[in-house]
Amino acid sequence: MKQDMILILDLGSDENARLAREIRTLGVYSEIYPHDIGVDQIKALPNVKGIILNGGVNREIDGVFIDTSEAVYTCGLPLFLADHKGEKPWPESAEKRRQTLSDFIFSVCGAQANWNTENFISDQIDLIKRQVGDGHVLLALSGGVDSSVVAALLLKAIGNRLTCVHVNHGLMRKGESEQVIDVFGKALGANLVYVDAVDRFLDKLVDVDDPEQKRKVIGEEFVRVFEEEARKLNGINFLAQGTIYPDIIESGTKTVKAVKSHHNVGGLPEDLQFELVEPVKMLFKDEVRAVGSELGLPDNMVHRQPFPGPGLGVRCLGAITRDRLEAVRESDAILHEELAKAGLIEQIWQFFTVVPDFRSTGVKEGKRSFDWPVVVRAVNTIDAMTAVVPELPWPLLQTLTKRITSEVAGVNRVLYDLTPKPSGTIEWE
């Protein structure tokens, strides 16, 4: 079933993602498009019922006030001018704002509330079949929620013409690759190829301390591994990824500078030899989880901790060294163990540790030490666009400090990051 859609044209607002989510909660699909989209492009999109012109703080590019073309204003679709040219028509209360949107979407545009996980799955399976045809697809299966949901969609659409490749780049959490092999090879019933590329990736990352460059190195090397695996198989022309909407938004738009490049967006090489298949790229994280549940994936898979594509590489801050990477891995495992003992696993959306590339003086076993700190990070969020920090019990923080400083080599301090998003991002790099 084709779902009705409301377009949001990006005229510099920093609330585009919030607006898209608000429309979707009303049961109508919404996407954000650049301000300079053409009318022919709009007409080529399926079931567009209306357009919201969303201006905002980034309305100027290089000193030039931006607007959409005059043709968009006369294209025949209902228009809503949101925060347009400095005007602020939005009511302040959430209830009135929702009512304003509802009136426009349903009364003015005549849209139907037909966007739900069941229809989304049906549409994506149809789109995958049309895109892939009789071809074969290689899926980068990290074992995270996003790639797992993509695997389930692809299995429904093309069955055994899907090959999943799990690359151990040496930046996985403790025991994670082993878990991926056990869980996904059996639970999903997919063709699964395991590639041990630990030395290959870590050698490429020697002395790379810039976070953006790290992501690009990791992203490009991932693709090179997949190209090599594809050459071992016949007829692989497509690469599937678990890209989601926050990845695209945070990687930058024409009006908003990038927060950070995601390896699956800004880190892909220009000479990519595959056509990309990204069926969940327009979904927020909670929507991806809902699709996973609808597809029948087990809860422990659907609600698995989010994990960045570059893995622990963006939690071992600065230039990656193997000893400091091991400190991240071991401290992260301790954090997981203690939160599980405290019964807090299900109450925290994401938690992890980071180890920065600097040392401080301390005392361990009665002797002076000059070691790294471990920073504990925990956040709660719905869509990963904003996040708050939970208040962890003091005894738990004391236990974490004692265990990490005594059990993890090269560490003499433990810190708890209290920064929400914004002003921080969820990850440190």
Protein backbone atom coordinates (compact mmCIF):
# COMPACT_ATOMS: atom_id res chain seq x y z
CA MET A 1 0.00 0.00 0.00
CA LYS A 2 1.47 3.34 -1.01
CA GLN A 3 1.64 5.70 1.91
CA ASP A 4 0.70 9.37 1.72
CA MET A 5 3.62 11.73 2.24
CA ILE A 6 4.16 15.28 3.47
CA LEU A 7 7.35 16.91 2.21
CA ILE A 8 9.41 19.19 4.43
CA LEU A 9 11.60 21.51 2.38
CA ASP A 10 14.72 22.41 4.32
CA LEU A 11 15.03 26.19 4.41
CA GLY A 12 17.50 26.28 7.27
CA SER A 13 15.46 25.14 10.27
CA ASP A 14 17.20 23.21 13.02
CA GLU A 15 13.86 21.55 13.83
CA ASN A 16 13.38 19.55 10.63
CA ALA A 17 13.93 16.19 12.32
CA ARG A 18 11.48 17.06 15.11
CA LEU A 19 8.87 18.16 12.59
CA ALA A 20 9.22 14.98 10.53
CA ARG A 21 8.77 12.89 13.68
CA GLU A 22 5.69 14.88 14.73
CA ILE A 23 4.07 14.24 11.37
CA ARG A 24 4.90 10.55 11.53
CA THR A 25 3.35 10.25 15.00
CA LEU A 26 0.12 11.38 13.33
CA GLY A 27 0.35 8.30 11.11
CA VAL A 28 1.47 10.14 7.98
CA TYR A 29 4.87 9.62 6.37
CA SER A 30 7.19 12.63 6.06
CA GLU A 31 10.61 13.26 4.54
CA ILE A 32 12.99 16.22 4.50
CA TYR A 33 14.22 17.46 1.12
CA PRO A 34 16.65 20.27 0.19
CA HIS A 35 15.26 23.72 -0.54
CA ASP A 36 16.30 23.63 -4.21
CA ILE A 37 14.38 20.49 -5.17
CA GLY A 38 12.65 20.85 -8.53
CA VAL A 39 8.93 20.51 -9.18
CA ASP A 40 9.55 17.57 -11.53
CA GLN A 41 11.38 15.81 -8.72
CA ILE A 42 8.47 16.47 -6.37
CA LYS A 43 5.96 15.12 -8.88
CA ALA A 44 8.08 11.99 -9.30
CA LEU A 45 7.73 11.19 -5.60
CA PRO A 46 4.85 8.86 -4.67
CA ASN A 47 1.68 10.13 -2.98
CA VAL A 48 2.86 13.62 -2.00
CA LYS A 49 -0.11 15.36 -0.39
CA GLY A 50 1.41 18.62 0.80
CA ILE A 51 4.58 20.65 1.35
CA ILE A 52 5.86 22.39 4.45
CA LEU A 53 8.38 25.16 3.80
CA ASN A 54 10.45 25.16 6.95
CA GLY A 55 12.66 28.22 7.37
CA GLY A 56 14.95 28.90 10.29
CA VAL A 57 18.25 30.03 11.72
CA ASN A 58 20.34 28.82 8.77
CA ARG A 59 18.26 30.60 6.12
CA GLU A 60 21.36 32.17 4.56
CA ILE A 61 24.08 30.32 2.64
CA ASP A 62 27.24 32.31 1.98
CA GLY A 63 25.33 35.49 2.72
CA VAL A 64 22.51 34.70 0.28
CA PHE A 65 18.95 34.35 1.54
CA ILE A 66 17.67 30.99 0.27
CA ASP A 67 14.22 30.08 -0.92
CA THR A 68 12.66 27.40 -3.04
CA SER A 69 11.80 28.07 -6.68
CA GLU A 70 8.65 29.99 -7.58
CA ALA A 71 7.41 26.88 -9.39
CA VAL A 72 7.06 25.09 -6.06
CA TYR A 73 4.67 27.80 -4.86
CA THR A 74 2.46 27.20 -7.90
CA CYS A 75 2.80 23.43 -8.19
CA GLY A 76 -0.79 22.85 -7.07
CA LEU A 77 0.02 21.12 -3.78
CA PRO A 78 -1.12 22.63 -0.45
CA LEU A 79 1.68 24.65 1.18
CA PHE A 80 2.31 25.47 4.81
CA LEU A 81 4.79 28.20 5.64
CA ALA A 82 6.49 27.15 8.86
CA ASP A 83 8.78 29.71 10.45
CA HIS A 84 8.98 31.18 6.95
CA LYS A 85 11.04 34.31 6.27
CA GLY A 86 11.30 35.05 9.97
CA GLU A 87 7.62 34.46 10.72
CA LYS A 88 6.82 32.04 13.55
CA PRO A 89 3.35 30.58 13.08
CA TRP A 90 3.92 27.64 15.41
CA PRO A 91 1.87 27.69 18.62
CA GLU A 92 4.02 27.38 21.70
CA SER A 93 2.12 24.53 23.35
CA ALA A 94 2.75 21.01 22.07
CA GLU A 95 -1.00 20.32 21.98
CA LYS A 96 -1.77 23.34 19.80
CA ARG A 97 1.23 22.64 17.58
CA ARG A 98 -0.01 19.10 17.03
CA GLN A 99 -3.50 20.41 16.23
CA THR A 100 -2.08 22.92 13.72
CA LEU A 101 -0.18 20.15 11.97
CA SER A 102 -3.19 17.84 12.08
CA ASP A 103 -5.48 20.46 10.52
CA PHE A 104 -3.05 21.04 7.66
CA ILE A 105 -2.25 17.38 7.01
CA PHE A 106 -5.77 15.96 7.18
CA SER A 107 -8.16 18.86 6.48
CA VAL A 108 -6.14 20.83 3.94
CA CYS A 109 -4.05 18.09 2.31
CA GLY A 110 -6.55 15.25 2.65
CA ALA A 111 -3.82 12.82 3.69
CA GLN A 112 -4.67 9.49 5.27
CA ALA A 113 -3.06 8.11 8.40
CA ASN A 114 -1.73 5.06 6.58
CA TRP A 115 1.91 5.08 7.64
CA ASN A 116 2.66 2.19 10.00
CA THR A 117 5.22 -0.56 10.34
CA GLU A 118 3.12 -3.13 8.47
CA ASN A 119 2.72 -0.87 5.43
CA PHE A 120 6.35 0.24 5.63
CA ILE A 121 7.56 -3.37 5.54
CA SER A 122 5.29 -4.21 2.63
CA ASP A 123 6.47 -1.18 0.66
CA GLN A 124 10.15 -1.81 1.37
CA ILE A 125 9.97 -5.45 0.36
CA ASP A 126 8.37 -4.35 -2.92
CA LEU A 127 11.01 -1.64 -3.43
CA ILE A 128 13.86 -4.06 -2.71
CA LYS A 129 12.49 -6.57 -5.20
CA ARG A 130 12.21 -3.88 -7.87
CA GLN A 131 15.68 -2.48 -7.18
CA VAL A 132 17.52 -5.79 -6.96
CA GLY A 133 15.58 -7.81 -9.52
CA ASP A 134 17.32 -11.16 -9.91
CA GLY A 135 20.55 -9.79 -8.44
CA HIS A 136 22.47 -10.76 -5.34
CA VAL A 137 23.09 -8.52 -2.32
CA LEU A 138 26.00 -8.29 0.08
CA LEU A 139 25.01 -7.00 3.54
CA ALA A 140 27.38 -5.44 6.02
CA LEU A 141 26.08 -7.24 9.13
CA SER A 142 27.58 -5.61 12.20
CA GLY A 143 25.17 -7.41 14.50
CA GLY A 144 23.53 -4.16 15.57
CA VAL A 145 19.83 -3.34 15.42
CA ASP A 146 19.90 -1.49 12.11
CA SER A 147 21.78 -4.06 10.04
CA SER A 148 19.78 -6.88 11.65
CA VAL A 149 16.49 -5.29 10.60
CA VAL A 150 17.87 -4.76 7.10
CA ALA A 151 18.87 -8.44 7.00
CA ALA A 152 15.35 -9.49 7.98
CA LEU A 153 13.81 -7.26 5.28
CA LEU A 154 16.21 -8.57 2.63
CA LEU A 155 15.58 -12.19 3.58
CA LYS A 156 11.86 -11.65 3.09
CA ALA A 157 12.44 -9.90 -0.22
CA ILE A 158 15.18 -11.98 -1.89
CA GLY A 159 15.83 -14.99 0.36
CA ASN A 160 19.09 -16.84 -0.26
CA ARG A 161 20.29 -14.23 -2.76
CA LEU A 162 21.47 -12.35 0.33
CA THR A 163 24.97 -12.91 1.68
CA CYS A 164 25.78 -11.36 5.07
CA VAL A 165 29.38 -10.42 5.78
CA HIS A 166 30.50 -9.78 9.34
CA VAL A 167 33.86 -8.06 9.49
CA ASN A 168 35.81 -8.22 12.74
CA HIS A 169 37.83 -5.02 12.43
CA GLY A 170 39.31 -5.31 15.90
CA LEU A 171 37.04 -2.54 17.13
CA MET A 172 34.23 -4.76 18.40
CA ARG A 173 33.09 -5.07 22.00
CA LYS A 174 34.31 -8.00 24.08
CA GLY A 175 32.99 -11.29 22.66
CA GLU A 176 30.84 -9.49 20.10
CA SER A 177 32.00 -11.17 16.91
CA GLU A 178 31.53 -14.59 18.50
CA GLN A 179 28.01 -13.56 19.51
CA VAL A 180 27.20 -12.35 15.99
CA ILE A 181 28.24 -15.69 14.52
CA ASP A 182 26.20 -17.66 17.08
CA VAL A 183 23.07 -15.50 17.01
CA PHE A 184 22.72 -14.29 13.46
CA GLY A 185 23.92 -17.37 11.64
CA LYS A 186 21.28 -19.41 13.46
CA ALA A 187 18.48 -16.93 14.21
CA LEU A 188 18.31 -15.33 10.78
CA GLY A 189 19.24 -18.40 8.78
CA ALA A 190 21.25 -16.24 6.38
CA ASN A 191 24.40 -17.03 4.43
CA LEU A 192 27.03 -15.63 6.80
CA VAL A 193 30.68 -14.94 5.96
CA TYR A 194 33.07 -14.08 8.81
CA VAL A 195 36.14 -12.01 7.96
CA ASP A 196 38.99 -11.55 10.45
CA ALA A 197 40.46 -8.18 9.48
CA VAL A 198 41.79 -7.04 12.86
CA ASP A 199 45.38 -6.39 11.81
CA ARG A 200 44.33 -4.91 8.50
CA PHE A 201 42.16 -2.21 10.07
CA LEU A 202 44.39 -1.40 13.04
CA ASP A 203 47.44 -1.06 10.79
CA LYS A 204 45.52 1.41 8.61
CA LEU A 205 44.58 3.46 11.69
CA VAL A 206 48.08 3.89 13.10
CA ASP A 207 48.68 7.58 13.94
CA VAL A 208 45.22 8.62 12.66
CA ASP A 209 43.93 10.92 15.41
CA ASP A 210 41.31 13.04 13.62
CA PRO A 211 37.79 11.62 14.26
CA GLU A 212 36.53 12.42 10.75
CA GLN A 213 39.56 10.80 9.16
CA LYS A 214 39.12 7.73 11.35
CA ARG A 215 35.57 7.32 10.10
CA LYS A 216 36.65 7.71 6.50
CA VAL A 217 39.49 5.19 6.87
CA ILE A 218 37.17 2.67 8.52
CA GLY A 219 34.37 3.28 6.02
CA GLU A 220 36.62 2.89 3.00
CA GLU A 221 38.32 -0.22 4.36
CA PHE A 222 34.91 -1.79 5.04
CA VAL A 223 33.98 -1.30 1.40
CA ARG A 224 37.30 -2.72 0.21
CA VAL A 225 36.70 -5.86 2.30
CA PHE A 226 33.21 -6.22 0.85
CA GLU A 227 34.54 -5.78 -2.69
CA GLU A 228 37.02 -8.58 -2.07
CA GLU A 229 34.31 -10.84 -0.66
CA ALA A 230 32.03 -10.00 -3.60
CA ARG A 231 34.70 -11.08 -6.05
CA LYS A 232 34.68 -14.50 -4.40
CA LEU A 233 30.97 -14.79 -5.18
CA ASN A 234 29.01 -14.53 -8.40
CA GLY A 235 26.74 -11.66 -9.43
CA ILE A 236 27.11 -9.35 -6.41
CA ASN A 237 26.16 -5.86 -7.60
CA PHE A 238 24.46 -4.49 -4.50
CA LEU A 239 25.74 -3.47 -1.06
CA ALA A 240 23.15 -3.23 1.73
CA GLN A 241 23.70 -1.04 4.79
CA GLY A 242 21.86 -0.26 8.01
CA THR A 243 21.95 3.51 7.41
CA ILE A 244 19.23 5.35 9.37
CA TYR A 245 17.91 8.92 9.24
CA PRO A 246 20.02 10.40 12.09
CA ASP A 247 23.15 9.18 10.24
CA ILE A 248 22.13 11.24 7.21
CA ILE A 249 21.02 14.31 9.17
CA GLU A 250 24.17 14.42 11.33
CA SER A 251 26.38 14.03 8.27
CA GLY A 252 25.21 17.46 7.12
CA THR A 253 22.74 19.11 4.74
CA LYS A 254 22.97 22.05 2.37
CA THR A 255 21.90 24.43 5.13
CA VAL A 256 23.30 22.75 8.26
CA LYS A 257 26.95 21.84 8.74
CA ALA A 258 27.76 18.28 9.63
CA VAL A 259 27.84 17.28 13.28
CA LYS A 260 30.02 14.33 12.26
CA SER A 261 30.35 12.11 9.20
CA HIS A 262 28.95 8.63 9.64
CA HIS A 263 31.18 5.98 8.07
CA ASN A 264 28.24 4.70 6.01
CA VAL A 265 27.40 8.19 4.71
CA GLY A 266 30.43 10.48 4.55
CA GLY A 267 33.01 7.70 4.75
CA LEU A 268 32.15 5.81 1.56
CA PRO A 269 34.74 5.98 -1.24
CA GLU A 270 33.89 7.87 -4.43
CA ASP A 271 34.70 4.85 -6.60
CA LEU A 272 32.18 2.59 -4.86
CA GLN A 273 31.61 -0.47 -7.06
CA PHE A 274 28.16 -1.33 -5.67
CA GLU A 275 24.67 0.07 -5.89
CA LEU A 276 23.51 0.78 -2.34
CA VAL A 277 20.44 -0.83 -0.80
CA GLU A 278 19.37 1.09 2.33
CA PRO A 279 15.77 0.21 3.22
CA VAL A 280 15.71 1.86 6.68
CA LYS A 281 17.62 5.02 5.81
CA MET A 282 14.56 7.24 6.37
CA LEU A 283 13.74 5.81 9.81
CA PHE A 284 14.66 7.00 13.29
CA LYS A 285 16.07 4.46 15.75
CA ASP A 286 12.80 3.82 17.59
CA GLU A 287 11.05 3.27 14.24
CA VAL A 288 13.72 0.75 13.23
CA ARG A 289 13.10 -1.15 16.47
CA ALA A 290 9.34 -1.16 15.80
CA VAL A 291 9.96 -2.60 12.32
CA GLY A 292 12.22 -5.25 13.81
CA SER A 293 9.51 -6.30 16.26
CA GLU A 294 6.94 -6.41 13.46
CA LEU A 295 9.30 -8.65 11.47
CA GLY A 296 9.41 -11.06 14.39
CA LEU A 297 13.01 -10.50 15.48
CA PRO A 298 13.63 -11.48 19.13
CA ASP A 299 13.55 -8.72 21.76
CA ASN A 300 17.20 -9.17 22.71
CA MET A 301 18.08 -8.40 19.10
CA VAL A 302 15.64 -5.53 18.56
CA HIS A 303 16.56 -3.76 21.79
CA ARG A 304 20.27 -4.43 21.55
CA GLN A 305 22.61 -1.61 22.55
CA PRO A 306 23.30 0.81 19.67
CA PHE A 307 26.86 0.50 18.42
CA PRO A 308 28.57 2.87 15.96
CA GLY A 309 29.86 1.50 12.67
CA PRO A 310 33.45 2.51 13.53
CA GLY A 311 32.98 0.59 16.76
CA LEU A 312 35.39 1.20 19.62
CA GLY A 313 37.50 3.22 17.21
CA VAL A 314 35.51 6.33 18.12
CA ARG A 315 35.68 5.47 21.83
CA CYS A 316 39.46 5.11 21.86
CA LEU A 317 39.93 8.85 21.51
CA GLY A 318 42.73 10.22 19.39
CA ALA A 319 45.19 7.93 17.62
CA ILE A 320 44.27 4.30 18.37
CA THR A 321 46.77 2.13 20.21
CA ARG A 322 46.16 -1.54 20.91
CA ASP A 323 46.72 -1.23 24.65
CA ARG A 324 44.33 1.71 25.01
CA LEU A 325 41.80 -0.03 22.75
CA GLU A 326 41.95 -3.01 25.08
CA ALA A 327 41.30 -0.67 28.02
CA VAL A 328 38.13 0.54 26.27
CA ARG A 329 37.01 -3.02 25.58
CA GLU A 330 37.62 -4.31 29.11
CA SER A 331 36.11 -1.30 30.89
CA ASP A 332 33.06 -1.49 28.61
CA ALA A 333 32.56 -5.14 29.54
CA ILE A 334 32.74 -4.27 33.26
CA LEU A 335 30.16 -1.50 32.77
CA HIS A 336 27.80 -3.96 31.08
CA GLU A 337 28.26 -6.51 33.88
CA GLU A 338 27.61 -4.04 36.68
CA LEU A 339 24.57 -2.43 35.05
CA ALA A 340 23.12 -5.91 34.54
CA LYS A 341 23.70 -6.76 38.21
CA ALA A 342 21.98 -3.50 39.20
CA GLY A 343 18.98 -4.30 36.98
CA LEU A 344 19.49 -1.14 34.92
CA ILE A 345 20.13 -2.62 31.47
CA GLU A 346 16.55 -2.10 30.29
CA GLN A 347 16.33 1.39 31.80
CA ILE A 348 19.23 2.95 29.89
CA TRP A 349 19.08 3.44 26.13
CA GLN A 350 22.84 3.37 25.56
CA PHE A 351 25.92 3.10 27.76
CA PHE A 352 29.61 2.66 27.08
CA THR A 353 33.10 3.78 28.10
CA VAL A 354 35.67 5.93 26.34
CA VAL A 355 39.40 6.27 26.97
CA PRO A 356 40.99 9.60 25.95
CA ASP A 357 44.57 9.92 24.81
CA PHE A 358 46.02 11.63 27.86
CA ARG A 359 47.30 10.51 31.25
CA SER A 360 47.20 11.77 34.80
CA THR A 361 49.13 11.07 37.95
CA GLY A 362 47.64 8.60 40.42
CA VAL A 363 48.51 5.91 42.97
CA LYS A 364 48.04 2.17 42.34
CA GLU A 365 49.20 -0.57 44.68
CA GLY A 366 51.08 2.01 46.76
CA LYS A 367 53.09 3.27 43.81
CA ARG A 368 52.88 6.32 41.57
CA SER A 369 51.01 5.68 38.35
CA PHE A 370 50.74 7.78 35.22
CA ASP A 371 47.72 6.28 33.46
CA TRP A 372 44.58 6.97 31.44
CA PRO A 373 41.11 7.90 32.71
CA VAL A 374 38.02 5.93 31.71
CA VAL A 375 34.92 8.01 31.01
CA VAL A 376 31.56 6.30 31.60
CA ARG A 377 28.79 7.49 29.27
CA ALA A 378 25.07 6.67 29.68
CA VAL A 379 22.14 8.33 27.90
CA ASN A 380 18.41 8.02 27.43
CA THR A 381 16.76 9.10 24.18
CA ILE A 382 13.92 8.30 21.79
CA ASP A 383 15.35 9.22 18.42
CA ALA A 384 19.10 9.79 19.07
CA MET A 385 18.70 13.43 18.03
CA THR A 386 18.52 14.63 21.65
CA ALA A 387 19.53 12.77 24.81
CA VAL A 388 19.52 13.12 28.60
CA VAL A 389 21.85 11.59 31.17
CA PRO A 390 20.37 9.26 33.82
CA GLU A 391 21.30 9.59 37.48
CA LEU A 392 23.23 6.43 38.29
CA PRO A 393 23.25 5.24 41.93
CA TRP A 394 26.31 6.37 43.87
CA PRO A 395 27.20 2.83 45.10
CA LEU A 396 27.17 1.66 41.46
CA LEU A 397 29.56 4.43 40.44
CA GLN A 398 31.85 3.50 43.34
CA THR A 399 31.81 -0.17 42.29
CA LEU A 400 32.59 0.75 38.69
CA THR A 401 35.49 2.91 39.82
CA LYS A 402 36.94 0.19 42.03
CA ARG A 403 36.64 -2.57 39.42
CA ILE A 404 37.87 -0.57 36.43
CA THR A 405 40.89 0.92 38.21
CA SER A 406 41.90 -2.44 39.65
CA GLU A 407 41.07 -4.76 36.72
CA VAL A 408 41.88 -2.71 33.62
CA ALA A 409 45.54 -2.23 32.81
CA GLY A 410 46.78 1.32 32.36
CA VAL A 411 43.81 3.07 34.05
CA ASN A 412 43.82 5.06 37.30
CA ARG A 413 40.68 7.24 37.14
CA VAL A 414 36.96 6.83 36.33
CA LEU A 415 34.74 9.77 35.36
CA TYR A 416 30.99 10.01 34.67
CA ASP A 417 29.95 12.21 31.74
CA LEU A 418 26.96 14.38 32.73
CA THR A 419 26.61 16.17 29.36
CA PRO A 420 23.24 15.91 27.55
CA LYS A 421 22.77 16.11 23.76
CA PRO A 422 23.02 18.94 22.95
CA SER A 423 25.56 20.32 23.91
CA GLY A 424 27.45 17.06 23.55
CA THR A 425 26.80 14.28 21.06
CA ILE A 426 26.11 10.76 22.31
CA GLU A 427 29.49 9.48 21.14
CA TRP A 428 32.63 11.46 21.96
CA GLU A 429 33.95 11.33 18.39
